[in-house]
C-alpha cells in the first residue's frame, strides 16, 4: 500500500458484511427500478427500461447504501478514497486494452473447444438501441456501472478485507465475488466469469497500489467501453 492508502485505524471500522448491506440496497433499488418501469414482466422490459431506469436506480442504491454506512464507519473520502485525478484518464486505455486481450483469448478458447459464446437477451436488445436508448446504454455501462461497482467491490469490500486478511487475499476475494455477483444477470454469462475475475484482480491491484478508486473506475469504464461500442455497433 502507498502512503495515500487509508490507515488501519480507519479501515478497522469497515466490515465485509458492510458490502452485503450495500448489495441489499442495490437489489432493493433494482426492484424499485423494475416497478417504476411499469406493470410488465421482467422479460418484457425494454432497452430503455433496463438502461434508462433500472441501471440508474441500481447505481443510486449503491451510493445510498454507502452514504448510510459511511458516517458510522469513517468520513466518506478517507474511508473510500473516491478521489479521481487527471492522470486516471489513462485508465481508459488500460481497460480497453485489457478487454481486447481477454476478449481475444476467450474467442480463441471458444474456437478451440467448440464452445458457445454467452448471450443475454438484454444485450441482444441493447444491440438494437437507437437514439435515447443508445445514450442510456452508454451512460449505464460506461459511467454508472464502473462508479457504483467500484464503490461496492473496491471500496467497501476490498478495504474491509484488506485490513483483516492482507493485500492478496483481499484482492483475490473481492475479484471472486465481483465475478460471481454477475451471475445474477443470468447463467448465460458463465463463460465470462474468468474474464471478470481477471478484471477484478486488475481493478483490485490498482486500488491497492494507488490508494484511491479513481484509476480503478477509469479502467473499468475503458473495459466496458469496448463492450458497449461493440454492442451498439451490432
Protein backbone atom coordinates (compact mmCIF):
# COMPACT_ATOMS: atom_id res chain seq x y z
CA UNK A 1 0.00 0.00 0.00
CA UNK A 2 1.20 3.55 -0.65
CA UNK A 3 1.25 6.41 1.82
CA UNK A 4 -2.05 7.57 0.33
CA UNK A 5 -3.85 4.42 1.44
CA UNK A 6 -6.50 4.60 4.15
CA UNK A 7 -4.91 3.89 7.52
CA UNK A 8 -5.72 0.74 9.55
CA UNK A 9 -7.37 2.93 12.18
CA UNK A 10 -9.99 3.93 9.61
CA UNK A 11 -10.15 0.55 7.88
CA UNK A 12 -10.92 -1.37 11.06
CA UNK A 13 -14.31 0.31 11.16
CA UNK A 14 -15.35 -1.37 7.87
CA UNK A 15 -16.50 -4.98 7.82
CA UNK A 16 -17.09 -7.42 4.93
CA UNK A 17 -20.75 -7.58 5.98
CA UNK A 18 -20.99 -3.90 5.05
CA UNK A 19 -20.62 -4.92 1.40
CA UNK A 20 -23.62 -7.24 1.84
CA UNK A 21 -25.55 -4.33 3.33
CA UNK A 22 -24.79 -2.16 0.29
CA UNK A 23 -25.65 -5.07 -2.02
CA UNK A 24 -29.07 -5.25 -0.38
CA UNK A 25 -29.59 -1.59 -1.27
CA UNK A 26 -28.56 -2.47 -4.85
CA UNK A 27 -31.13 -5.28 -5.02
CA UNK A 28 -33.85 -3.13 -3.44
CA UNK A 29 -33.12 -0.33 -5.88
CA UNK A 30 -33.30 -2.83 -8.77
CA UNK A 31 -36.77 -3.85 -7.62
CA UNK A 32 -37.86 -0.23 -7.36
CA UNK A 33 -36.49 0.41 -10.85
CA UNK A 34 -38.47 -2.50 -12.29
CA UNK A 35 -41.63 -1.23 -10.57
CA UNK A 36 -41.08 2.29 -11.90
CA UNK A 37 -40.58 0.87 -15.40
CA UNK A 38 -44.23 -0.15 -15.33
CA UNK A 39 -46.54 -3.14 -14.87
CA UNK A 40 -44.55 -5.52 -17.08
CA UNK A 41 -42.94 -8.90 -16.64
CA UNK A 42 -39.16 -8.66 -16.30
CA UNK A 43 -38.67 -10.31 -19.68
CA UNK A 44 -40.87 -7.63 -21.27
CA UNK A 45 -38.78 -4.67 -20.11
CA UNK A 46 -37.45 -2.56 -22.96
CA UNK A 47 -33.88 -1.40 -23.55
CA UNK A 48 -34.70 1.99 -22.04
CA UNK A 49 -36.40 0.32 -19.06
CA UNK A 50 -33.22 -1.61 -18.29
CA UNK A 51 -30.60 1.02 -19.01
CA UNK A 52 -32.54 4.24 -18.53
CA UNK A 53 -34.42 3.29 -15.35
CA UNK A 54 -33.22 0.09 -13.67
CA UNK A 55 -29.47 0.66 -14.12
CA UNK A 56 -29.54 4.24 -12.73
CA UNK A 57 -31.68 3.00 -9.84
CA UNK A 58 -29.11 0.29 -9.08
CA UNK A 59 -26.26 2.82 -9.08
CA UNK A 60 -28.23 5.14 -6.84
CA UNK A 61 -28.94 2.24 -4.49
CA UNK A 62 -25.22 1.58 -4.07
CA UNK A 63 -24.49 5.26 -3.43
CA UNK A 64 -27.29 5.48 -0.85
CA UNK A 65 -26.14 2.29 0.87
CA UNK A 66 -22.56 3.57 1.11
CA UNK A 67 -23.76 7.01 2.25
CA UNK A 68 -25.83 5.40 5.01
CA UNK A 69 -22.83 3.44 6.29
CA UNK A 70 -20.04 5.98 5.80
CA UNK A 71 -20.88 8.30 8.73
CA UNK A 72 -20.91 5.24 11.02
CA UNK A 73 -17.58 3.96 9.75
CA UNK A 74 -15.37 6.88 8.72
CA UNK A 75 -15.61 10.10 6.69
CA UNK A 76 -16.60 9.39 3.07
CA UNK A 77 -13.38 10.31 1.26
CA UNK A 78 -10.99 8.88 3.83
CA UNK A 79 -12.94 5.63 4.01
CA UNK A 80 -13.40 5.02 0.29
CA UNK A 81 -10.74 7.24 -1.33
CA UNK A 82 -13.08 8.29 -4.12
CA UNK A 83 -10.74 10.96 -5.50
CA UNK A 84 -10.22 10.91 -9.27
CA UNK A 85 -7.00 12.53 -10.56
CA UNK A 86 -6.40 13.81 -14.13
CA UNK A 87 -3.85 11.04 -14.73
CA UNK A 88 -6.55 8.44 -14.12
CA UNK A 89 -7.81 9.11 -17.64
CA UNK A 90 -5.10 6.76 -18.91
CA UNK A 91 -7.07 4.02 -17.19
CA UNK A 92 -9.50 4.17 -20.11
CA UNK A 93 -6.72 2.95 -22.41
CA UNK A 94 -5.65 0.27 -19.93
CA UNK A 95 -9.21 -1.01 -19.58
CA UNK A 96 -9.84 -1.00 -23.32
CA UNK A 97 -6.60 -2.89 -23.94
CA UNK A 98 -7.46 -5.43 -21.25
CA UNK A 99 -10.87 -6.03 -22.79
CA UNK A 100 -9.36 -6.57 -26.24
CA UNK A 101 -6.75 -9.02 -24.88
CA UNK A 102 -9.15 -11.01 -22.71
CA UNK A 103 -11.85 -10.98 -25.38
CA UNK A 104 -9.36 -12.34 -27.93
CA UNK A 105 -8.29 -15.11 -25.55
CA UNK A 106 -11.92 -16.05 -24.99
CA UNK A 107 -12.58 -16.23 -28.73
CA UNK A 108 -9.56 -18.50 -29.19
CA UNK A 109 -10.80 -20.83 -26.43
CA UNK A 110 -14.32 -20.85 -27.86
CA UNK A 111 -12.96 -21.85 -31.26
CA UNK A 112 -10.51 -24.39 -29.84
CA UNK A 113 -13.04 -26.20 -27.64
CA UNK A 114 -16.14 -25.63 -29.77
CA UNK A 115 -17.88 -23.67 -27.03
CA UNK A 116 -20.88 -21.39 -27.38
CA UNK A 117 -20.40 -17.69 -26.80
CA UNK A 118 -22.54 -16.42 -23.91
CA UNK A 119 -25.55 -14.34 -24.87
CA UNK A 120 -28.04 -12.28 -22.89
CA UNK A 121 -31.45 -11.09 -24.01
CA UNK A 122 -30.84 -7.64 -22.60
CA UNK A 123 -27.56 -7.40 -24.53
CA UNK A 124 -29.32 -8.50 -27.71
CA UNK A 125 -31.86 -5.75 -27.12
CA UNK A 126 -29.12 -3.20 -26.46
CA UNK A 127 -27.68 -4.05 -29.87
CA UNK A 128 -30.90 -2.73 -31.39
CA UNK A 129 -30.84 0.51 -29.37
CA UNK A 130 -31.03 3.83 -31.19
CA UNK A 131 -31.24 7.46 -30.15
CA UNK A 132 -32.09 7.96 -26.49
CA UNK A 133 -31.85 4.21 -25.86
CA UNK A 134 -28.27 4.17 -27.16
CA UNK A 135 -27.35 7.07 -24.88
CA UNK A 136 -28.93 5.26 -21.91
CA UNK A 137 -26.95 2.09 -22.68
CA UNK A 138 -23.70 4.06 -22.94
CA UNK A 139 -24.23 6.00 -19.71
CA UNK A 140 -25.32 2.92 -17.78
CA UNK A 141 -22.41 0.71 -18.85
CA UNK A 142 -19.56 3.20 -19.18
CA UNK A 143 -20.37 5.65 -16.38
CA UNK A 144 -22.82 4.30 -13.80
CA UNK A 145 -21.72 0.66 -13.61
CA UNK A 146 -17.99 1.43 -13.13
CA UNK A 147 -18.71 4.06 -10.46
CA UNK A 148 -21.19 2.01 -8.44
CA UNK A 149 -19.38 -1.33 -8.74
CA UNK A 150 -16.04 0.18 -7.76
CA UNK A 151 -17.63 1.80 -4.71
CA UNK A 152 -19.01 -1.57 -3.66
CA UNK A 153 -16.22 -4.01 -4.58
CA UNK A 154 -13.00 -1.97 -4.46
CA UNK A 155 -14.37 0.49 -1.91
CA UNK A 156 -16.30 -1.20 0.87
CA UNK A 157 -15.43 -4.86 0.23
CA UNK A 158 -11.75 -4.66 -0.73
CA UNK A 159 -10.84 -2.24 2.03
CA UNK A 160 -12.60 -4.26 4.71
CA UNK A 161 -10.86 -7.45 3.55
CA UNK A 162 -7.55 -5.63 3.27
CA UNK A 163 -7.46 -4.70 6.93
CA UNK A 164 -8.33 -8.23 8.10
CA UNK A 165 -6.53 -10.51 5.64
CA UNK A 166 -3.86 -8.53 3.81
CA UNK A 167 -3.22 -7.46 0.24
CA UNK A 168 -3.60 -10.53 -1.97
CA UNK A 169 -6.41 -12.29 -0.07
CA UNK A 170 -8.34 -9.01 -0.29
CA UNK A 171 -7.66 -8.56 -4.00
CA UNK A 172 -8.49 -12.19 -4.87
CA UNK A 173 -11.54 -12.31 -2.60
CA UNK A 174 -13.06 -9.10 -3.93
CA UNK A 175 -12.32 -10.17 -7.53
CA UNK A 176 -14.02 -13.53 -6.99
CA UNK A 177 -17.15 -12.01 -5.51
CA UNK A 178 -17.17 -9.35 -8.24
CA UNK A 179 -17.22 -12.08 -10.89
CA UNK A 180 -19.78 -14.27 -9.12
CA UNK A 181 -22.25 -11.44 -8.49
CA UNK A 182 -22.64 -11.08 -12.25
CA UNK A 183 -24.36 -14.49 -12.26
CA UNK A 184 -27.40 -12.56 -11.05
CA UNK A 185 -27.61 -11.36 -14.65
CA UNK A 186 -28.15 -14.95 -15.78
CA UNK A 187 -26.30 -18.23 -16.05
CA UNK A 188 -25.67 -17.46 -19.73
CA UNK A 189 -22.62 -15.40 -18.76
CA UNK A 190 -20.88 -18.36 -17.10
CA UNK A 191 -18.15 -18.37 -19.76
CA UNK A 192 -17.28 -14.78 -18.92
CA UNK A 193 -16.57 -15.39 -15.22
CA UNK A 194 -12.81 -15.97 -15.75
CA UNK A 195 -12.64 -12.70 -17.71
CA UNK A 196 -14.49 -10.84 -14.97
CA UNK A 197 -12.25 -12.42 -12.34
CA UNK A 198 -9.10 -11.24 -14.11
CA UNK A 199 -10.65 -7.78 -14.48
CA UNK A 200 -11.39 -7.81 -10.75
CA UNK A 201 -7.75 -8.68 -9.99
CA UNK A 202 -6.52 -5.77 -12.09
CA UNK A 203 -9.00 -3.36 -10.52
CA UNK A 204 -8.19 -4.54 -7.00
CA UNK A 205 -4.46 -4.23 -7.56
CA UNK A 206 -4.96 -0.73 -8.95
CA UNK A 207 -6.99 0.32 -5.91
CA UNK A 208 -4.35 -1.03 -3.52
CA UNK A 209 -1.43 0.41 -5.49
CA UNK A 210 -2.85 3.92 -5.78
CA UNK A 211 -4.80 4.04 -2.53
CA UNK A 212 -7.73 5.52 -4.49
CA UNK A 213 -10.67 4.32 -6.58
CA UNK A 214 -10.17 6.76 -9.45
CA UNK A 215 -7.84 4.61 -11.54
CA UNK A 216 -9.98 1.50 -10.97
CA UNK A 217 -13.09 3.42 -12.09
CA UNK A 218 -11.49 4.54 -15.36
CA UNK A 219 -10.00 1.10 -16.10
CA UNK A 220 -13.45 -0.39 -15.53
CA UNK A 221 -15.01 2.27 -17.77
CA UNK A 222 -12.48 1.59 -20.54
CA UNK A 223 -13.14 -2.14 -20.29
CA UNK A 224 -16.90 -1.59 -20.59
CA UNK A 225 -16.42 0.97 -23.35
CA UNK A 226 -15.17 -1.64 -25.80
CA UNK A 227 -18.06 -3.98 -25.00
CA UNK A 228 -20.59 -1.17 -25.25
CA UNK A 229 -19.21 0.06 -28.57
CA UNK A 230 -19.34 -3.49 -29.96
CA UNK A 231 -22.93 -3.99 -28.75
CA UNK A 232 -24.19 -0.68 -30.13
CA UNK A 233 -22.45 -1.33 -33.45
CA UNK A 234 -24.30 -4.64 -33.97
